[in-house]
N, C-alpha and C. Protein backbone atom coordinates (compact mmCIF):
# COMPACT_ATOMS: atom_id res chain seq x y z
N MET A 1 31.25 -0.33 43.61
CA MET A 1 31.89 -0.70 42.38
C MET A 1 30.86 -1.06 41.29
N ARG A 2 29.65 -1.41 41.67
CA ARG A 2 28.63 -1.77 40.69
C ARG A 2 28.06 -0.55 39.98
N TYR A 3 28.09 0.60 40.62
CA TYR A 3 27.47 1.78 40.03
C TYR A 3 28.10 2.21 38.72
N PRO A 4 29.42 2.21 38.55
CA PRO A 4 29.98 2.60 37.25
C PRO A 4 29.53 1.66 36.12
N ILE A 5 29.42 0.38 36.39
CA ILE A 5 28.98 -0.57 35.36
C ILE A 5 27.52 -0.31 35.01
N THR A 6 26.70 -0.06 36.01
CA THR A 6 25.29 0.22 35.78
C THR A 6 25.13 1.49 34.96
N ILE A 7 25.85 2.53 35.31
CA ILE A 7 25.79 3.78 34.57
C ILE A 7 26.26 3.57 33.13
N PHE A 8 27.34 2.81 32.96
CA PHE A 8 27.85 2.51 31.63
C PHE A 8 26.79 1.81 30.79
N ILE A 9 26.12 0.84 31.35
CA ILE A 9 25.08 0.09 30.63
C ILE A 9 23.92 1.00 30.27
N ILE A 10 23.53 1.87 31.18
CA ILE A 10 22.42 2.80 30.90
C ILE A 10 22.80 3.75 29.77
N VAL A 11 24.03 4.27 29.80
CA VAL A 11 24.49 5.18 28.75
C VAL A 11 24.52 4.48 27.40
N ILE A 12 25.03 3.27 27.35
CA ILE A 12 25.08 2.51 26.08
C ILE A 12 23.66 2.23 25.58
N ALA A 13 22.76 1.86 26.47
CA ALA A 13 21.37 1.59 26.06
C ALA A 13 20.72 2.85 25.50
N ALA A 14 20.98 3.98 26.12
CA ALA A 14 20.42 5.24 25.63
C ALA A 14 20.96 5.59 24.25
N ILE A 15 22.25 5.38 24.05
CA ILE A 15 22.86 5.67 22.74
C ILE A 15 22.29 4.75 21.67
N LEU A 16 22.18 3.48 21.97
CA LEU A 16 21.67 2.52 20.99
C LEU A 16 20.20 2.75 20.67
N SER A 17 19.43 3.18 21.64
CA SER A 17 18.01 3.43 21.37
C SER A 17 17.82 4.64 20.48
N GLY A 18 18.78 5.54 20.47
CA GLY A 18 18.71 6.71 19.60
C GLY A 18 19.11 6.43 18.18
N CYS A 19 19.77 5.33 17.93
CA CYS A 19 20.19 4.96 16.57
C CYS A 19 19.03 4.29 15.85
N THR A 20 18.86 4.65 14.58
CA THR A 20 17.81 4.00 13.79
C THR A 20 18.43 3.48 12.51
N SER A 21 17.90 2.40 12.04
CA SER A 21 18.39 1.84 10.79
C SER A 21 17.81 2.61 9.62
N GLU A 22 18.37 2.42 8.45
CA GLU A 22 17.87 3.08 7.25
C GLU A 22 16.44 2.64 6.96
N GLU A 23 16.13 1.39 7.23
CA GLU A 23 14.77 0.88 7.01
C GLU A 23 13.77 1.61 7.89
N GLU A 24 14.13 1.85 9.16
CA GLU A 24 13.24 2.56 10.06
C GLU A 24 13.07 4.01 9.61
N LYS A 25 14.12 4.64 9.10
CA LYS A 25 14.01 6.01 8.61
C LYS A 25 13.08 6.09 7.43
N ASN A 26 13.07 5.07 6.56
CA ASN A 26 12.23 5.08 5.37
C ASN A 26 10.81 4.60 5.63
N SER A 27 10.50 4.18 6.85
CA SER A 27 9.17 3.66 7.13
C SER A 27 8.10 4.73 6.99
N ASP A 28 8.49 6.01 7.08
CA ASP A 28 7.53 7.10 6.90
C ASP A 28 7.27 7.40 5.43
N ALA A 29 8.12 6.90 4.54
CA ALA A 29 7.96 7.14 3.11
C ALA A 29 6.76 6.36 2.60
N LEU A 30 6.10 6.91 1.61
CA LEU A 30 4.94 6.24 1.03
C LEU A 30 5.37 5.04 0.20
N LYS A 31 4.59 3.99 0.28
CA LYS A 31 4.80 2.82 -0.56
C LYS A 31 4.00 3.04 -1.84
N GLN A 32 4.29 2.26 -2.86
CA GLN A 32 3.58 2.44 -4.12
C GLN A 32 3.27 1.11 -4.79
N GLN A 33 2.22 1.13 -5.59
CA GLN A 33 1.84 -0.04 -6.37
C GLN A 33 1.32 0.42 -7.72
N GLU A 34 1.83 -0.21 -8.77
CA GLU A 34 1.36 0.07 -10.12
C GLU A 34 0.45 -1.07 -10.55
N GLY A 35 -0.61 -0.73 -11.23
CA GLY A 35 -1.51 -1.77 -11.72
C GLY A 35 -2.68 -1.17 -12.47
N ILE A 36 -3.60 -2.04 -12.81
CA ILE A 36 -4.78 -1.63 -13.55
C ILE A 36 -5.98 -1.59 -12.62
N ILE A 37 -6.85 -0.62 -12.81
CA ILE A 37 -8.07 -0.56 -12.01
C ILE A 37 -9.02 -1.62 -12.57
N ALA A 38 -9.26 -2.66 -11.77
CA ALA A 38 -10.11 -3.77 -12.21
C ALA A 38 -11.55 -3.59 -11.77
N GLU A 39 -11.74 -2.77 -10.76
CA GLU A 39 -13.09 -2.55 -10.21
C GLU A 39 -13.13 -1.16 -9.61
N LYS A 40 -14.29 -0.52 -9.71
CA LYS A 40 -14.48 0.80 -9.11
C LYS A 40 -15.86 0.83 -8.47
N ASN A 41 -15.90 1.17 -7.18
CA ASN A 41 -17.15 1.31 -6.45
C ASN A 41 -17.28 2.73 -5.94
N GLU A 42 -18.26 2.99 -5.09
CA GLU A 42 -18.51 4.35 -4.61
C GLU A 42 -17.42 4.91 -3.70
N ASP A 43 -16.56 4.07 -3.13
CA ASP A 43 -15.53 4.59 -2.22
C ASP A 43 -14.16 3.92 -2.37
N HIS A 44 -14.04 2.99 -3.31
CA HIS A 44 -12.74 2.31 -3.46
C HIS A 44 -12.52 1.82 -4.89
N ILE A 45 -11.26 1.46 -5.14
CA ILE A 45 -10.89 0.82 -6.40
C ILE A 45 -10.13 -0.46 -6.07
N LEU A 46 -10.15 -1.39 -6.99
CA LEU A 46 -9.37 -2.62 -6.88
C LEU A 46 -8.27 -2.54 -7.93
N VAL A 47 -7.01 -2.57 -7.48
CA VAL A 47 -5.87 -2.46 -8.38
C VAL A 47 -5.15 -3.81 -8.43
N ILE A 48 -4.91 -4.27 -9.66
CA ILE A 48 -4.20 -5.54 -9.86
C ILE A 48 -2.96 -5.26 -10.71
N PRO A 49 -1.78 -5.62 -10.21
CA PRO A 49 -0.56 -5.40 -11.00
C PRO A 49 -0.40 -6.46 -12.10
N ASN A 50 0.38 -6.10 -13.11
CA ASN A 50 0.80 -7.03 -14.18
C ASN A 50 -0.32 -7.57 -15.05
N PHE A 51 -1.38 -6.81 -15.21
CA PHE A 51 -2.47 -7.20 -16.10
C PHE A 51 -2.79 -6.05 -17.04
N LYS A 52 -3.42 -6.38 -18.17
CA LYS A 52 -3.86 -5.39 -19.14
C LYS A 52 -5.37 -5.27 -19.07
N LYS A 53 -5.88 -4.22 -19.68
CA LYS A 53 -7.32 -3.99 -19.71
C LYS A 53 -8.05 -5.20 -20.28
N GLU A 54 -7.49 -5.80 -21.32
CA GLU A 54 -8.12 -6.96 -21.95
C GLU A 54 -8.24 -8.15 -20.99
N ASP A 55 -7.32 -8.23 -20.04
CA ASP A 55 -7.32 -9.34 -19.08
C ASP A 55 -8.48 -9.29 -18.10
N ILE A 56 -9.03 -8.09 -17.89
CA ILE A 56 -10.10 -7.96 -16.89
C ILE A 56 -11.48 -7.82 -17.51
N GLU A 57 -11.52 -7.63 -18.82
CA GLU A 57 -12.82 -7.49 -19.48
C GLU A 57 -13.61 -8.78 -19.36
N ASN A 58 -14.91 -8.64 -19.18
CA ASN A 58 -15.85 -9.76 -19.09
C ASN A 58 -15.59 -10.68 -17.90
N LYS A 59 -14.92 -10.19 -16.87
CA LYS A 59 -14.70 -10.97 -15.65
C LYS A 59 -15.73 -10.56 -14.61
N ARG A 60 -16.22 -11.54 -13.88
CA ARG A 60 -17.13 -11.26 -12.77
C ARG A 60 -16.34 -10.69 -11.60
N ASN A 61 -17.02 -10.03 -10.70
CA ASN A 61 -16.40 -9.43 -9.52
C ASN A 61 -15.59 -10.45 -8.73
N GLU A 62 -16.13 -11.64 -8.55
CA GLU A 62 -15.44 -12.69 -7.80
C GLU A 62 -14.12 -13.09 -8.47
N GLU A 63 -14.14 -13.14 -9.80
CA GLU A 63 -12.93 -13.48 -10.54
C GLU A 63 -11.86 -12.40 -10.39
N LEU A 64 -12.28 -11.14 -10.41
CA LEU A 64 -11.34 -10.03 -10.25
C LEU A 64 -10.71 -10.03 -8.87
N VAL A 65 -11.51 -10.31 -7.86
CA VAL A 65 -10.99 -10.37 -6.49
C VAL A 65 -9.99 -11.53 -6.38
N MET A 66 -10.28 -12.65 -6.99
CA MET A 66 -9.36 -13.78 -6.97
C MET A 66 -8.06 -13.45 -7.70
N MET A 67 -8.16 -12.78 -8.84
CA MET A 67 -6.97 -12.35 -9.57
C MET A 67 -6.11 -11.42 -8.71
N ALA A 68 -6.76 -10.50 -8.02
CA ALA A 68 -6.04 -9.57 -7.15
C ALA A 68 -5.38 -10.32 -6.00
N SER A 69 -6.09 -11.24 -5.41
CA SER A 69 -5.57 -12.02 -4.29
C SER A 69 -4.34 -12.83 -4.69
N GLU A 70 -4.37 -13.41 -5.85
CA GLU A 70 -3.28 -14.27 -6.32
C GLU A 70 -2.09 -13.50 -6.88
N ASN A 71 -2.28 -12.20 -7.17
CA ASN A 71 -1.23 -11.44 -7.86
C ASN A 71 -0.81 -10.17 -7.14
N GLY A 72 -1.06 -10.09 -5.86
CA GLY A 72 -0.59 -8.95 -5.08
C GLY A 72 -1.40 -7.69 -5.25
N GLY A 73 -2.64 -7.82 -5.66
CA GLY A 73 -3.51 -6.65 -5.81
C GLY A 73 -4.06 -6.19 -4.47
N ALA A 74 -4.74 -5.05 -4.49
CA ALA A 74 -5.30 -4.51 -3.25
C ALA A 74 -6.48 -3.60 -3.55
N PHE A 75 -7.35 -3.47 -2.55
CA PHE A 75 -8.41 -2.46 -2.58
C PHE A 75 -7.82 -1.18 -2.02
N TYR A 76 -8.15 -0.05 -2.63
CA TYR A 76 -7.70 1.25 -2.14
C TYR A 76 -8.92 2.14 -1.90
N GLU A 77 -9.03 2.63 -0.68
CA GLU A 77 -10.05 3.62 -0.38
C GLU A 77 -9.60 4.94 -0.98
N VAL A 78 -10.52 5.63 -1.68
CA VAL A 78 -10.18 6.82 -2.43
C VAL A 78 -11.15 7.94 -2.08
N GLU A 79 -10.63 9.17 -2.00
CA GLU A 79 -11.48 10.34 -1.78
C GLU A 79 -12.48 10.47 -2.93
N ALA A 80 -13.68 10.93 -2.62
CA ALA A 80 -14.76 11.00 -3.61
C ALA A 80 -14.39 11.85 -4.82
N GLU A 81 -13.73 12.98 -4.61
CA GLU A 81 -13.35 13.85 -5.72
C GLU A 81 -12.38 13.16 -6.67
N GLN A 82 -11.42 12.46 -6.12
CA GLN A 82 -10.44 11.77 -6.96
C GLN A 82 -11.06 10.56 -7.65
N LEU A 83 -12.00 9.92 -6.97
CA LEU A 83 -12.64 8.74 -7.53
C LEU A 83 -13.37 9.07 -8.83
N LYS A 84 -13.91 10.28 -8.92
CA LYS A 84 -14.62 10.70 -10.13
C LYS A 84 -13.72 10.68 -11.37
N GLU A 85 -12.41 10.91 -11.17
CA GLU A 85 -11.47 10.99 -12.27
C GLU A 85 -10.95 9.62 -12.73
N LEU A 86 -11.24 8.60 -11.96
CA LEU A 86 -10.69 7.27 -12.24
C LEU A 86 -11.71 6.39 -12.95
N GLU A 87 -11.23 5.59 -13.89
CA GLU A 87 -12.10 4.68 -14.64
C GLU A 87 -11.54 3.27 -14.61
N LYS A 88 -12.43 2.32 -14.65
CA LYS A 88 -12.03 0.92 -14.74
C LYS A 88 -11.22 0.72 -16.02
N GLY A 89 -10.11 -0.02 -15.91
CA GLY A 89 -9.30 -0.35 -17.07
C GLY A 89 -8.09 0.54 -17.27
N ILE A 90 -7.96 1.64 -16.51
CA ILE A 90 -6.78 2.47 -16.69
C ILE A 90 -5.65 2.01 -15.78
N ARG A 91 -4.43 2.25 -16.23
CA ARG A 91 -3.23 1.91 -15.44
C ARG A 91 -2.93 3.08 -14.51
N VAL A 92 -2.68 2.76 -13.23
CA VAL A 92 -2.42 3.79 -12.23
C VAL A 92 -1.20 3.43 -11.38
N LEU A 93 -0.67 4.44 -10.72
CA LEU A 93 0.35 4.28 -9.71
C LEU A 93 -0.25 4.82 -8.43
N VAL A 94 -0.42 3.94 -7.44
CA VAL A 94 -1.07 4.31 -6.19
C VAL A 94 -0.02 4.41 -5.09
N TYR A 95 -0.06 5.51 -4.34
CA TYR A 95 0.81 5.71 -3.19
C TYR A 95 -0.02 5.51 -1.92
N TRP A 96 0.53 4.77 -0.96
CA TRP A 96 -0.17 4.51 0.29
C TRP A 96 0.84 4.49 1.42
N ASN A 97 0.37 4.62 2.65
CA ASN A 97 1.27 4.82 3.80
C ASN A 97 1.85 3.54 4.39
N GLY A 98 1.56 2.39 3.85
CA GLY A 98 2.13 1.14 4.35
C GLY A 98 1.21 0.39 5.30
N GLU A 99 0.17 1.06 5.79
CA GLU A 99 -0.78 0.39 6.67
C GLU A 99 -1.87 -0.25 5.83
N GLN A 100 -2.35 -1.41 6.28
CA GLN A 100 -3.42 -2.08 5.55
C GLN A 100 -4.23 -2.96 6.48
N GLU A 101 -5.48 -3.17 6.11
CA GLU A 101 -6.33 -4.08 6.86
C GLU A 101 -6.00 -5.51 6.46
N GLU A 102 -6.10 -6.39 7.42
CA GLU A 102 -5.77 -7.80 7.20
C GLU A 102 -6.91 -8.50 6.49
N SER A 103 -6.96 -8.35 5.20
CA SER A 103 -7.94 -9.06 4.38
C SER A 103 -7.20 -9.56 3.14
N ASP A 104 -7.88 -10.30 2.32
CA ASP A 104 -7.24 -10.83 1.12
C ASP A 104 -8.17 -10.61 -0.07
N PRO A 105 -7.90 -9.67 -0.93
CA PRO A 105 -6.76 -8.76 -0.96
C PRO A 105 -6.87 -7.69 0.14
N PRO A 106 -5.74 -7.09 0.51
CA PRO A 106 -5.74 -6.11 1.59
C PRO A 106 -6.49 -4.83 1.20
N ILE A 107 -6.90 -4.09 2.22
CA ILE A 107 -7.56 -2.80 2.02
C ILE A 107 -6.61 -1.73 2.52
N ARG A 108 -6.30 -0.76 1.66
CA ARG A 108 -5.35 0.30 1.98
C ARG A 108 -5.99 1.66 1.72
N GLN A 109 -5.44 2.68 2.35
CA GLN A 109 -5.88 4.06 2.11
C GLN A 109 -4.97 4.70 1.08
N ALA A 110 -5.52 5.09 -0.06
CA ALA A 110 -4.72 5.73 -1.10
C ALA A 110 -4.40 7.15 -0.67
N GLU A 111 -3.12 7.50 -0.68
CA GLU A 111 -2.69 8.85 -0.36
C GLU A 111 -2.66 9.70 -1.64
N GLU A 112 -2.26 9.08 -2.75
CA GLU A 112 -2.16 9.77 -4.02
C GLU A 112 -2.30 8.74 -5.13
N ILE A 113 -2.90 9.13 -6.23
CA ILE A 113 -3.05 8.22 -7.37
C ILE A 113 -2.67 8.99 -8.63
N GLU A 114 -1.78 8.39 -9.42
CA GLU A 114 -1.39 8.97 -10.71
C GLU A 114 -1.90 8.07 -11.82
N SER A 115 -2.55 8.67 -12.80
CA SER A 115 -2.96 7.92 -13.98
C SER A 115 -1.75 7.78 -14.89
N LEU A 116 -1.49 6.58 -15.37
CA LEU A 116 -0.36 6.33 -16.26
C LEU A 116 -0.79 6.20 -17.71
N GLN A 117 -2.04 6.55 -18.02
CA GLN A 117 -2.57 6.48 -19.39
C GLN A 117 -2.16 7.70 -20.16
């Protein structure tokens, strides 16, 4: 008499494991961040949202990192070819895969970058 209940539980578990929420379906979609390029190095950019070019002028590197940390900014690793096209002070929209290194500000891999200038 226990076997039908066991089979029923296994079937229900299999059905439920096949169901995914809308959030799980969208986890493969790229995330995005809009902001200004506050710093540019040989392999990455620092993007800070909600600031203007004037806000970052005459700031030391440490100050820019602190601004990014306090305002949801991030470092983005960028392909060398695309990095050539980017300049400090321009507004960009960065697409990334949702993964990031645990640092403050976080380090992410840029999948695509659009200039909004």
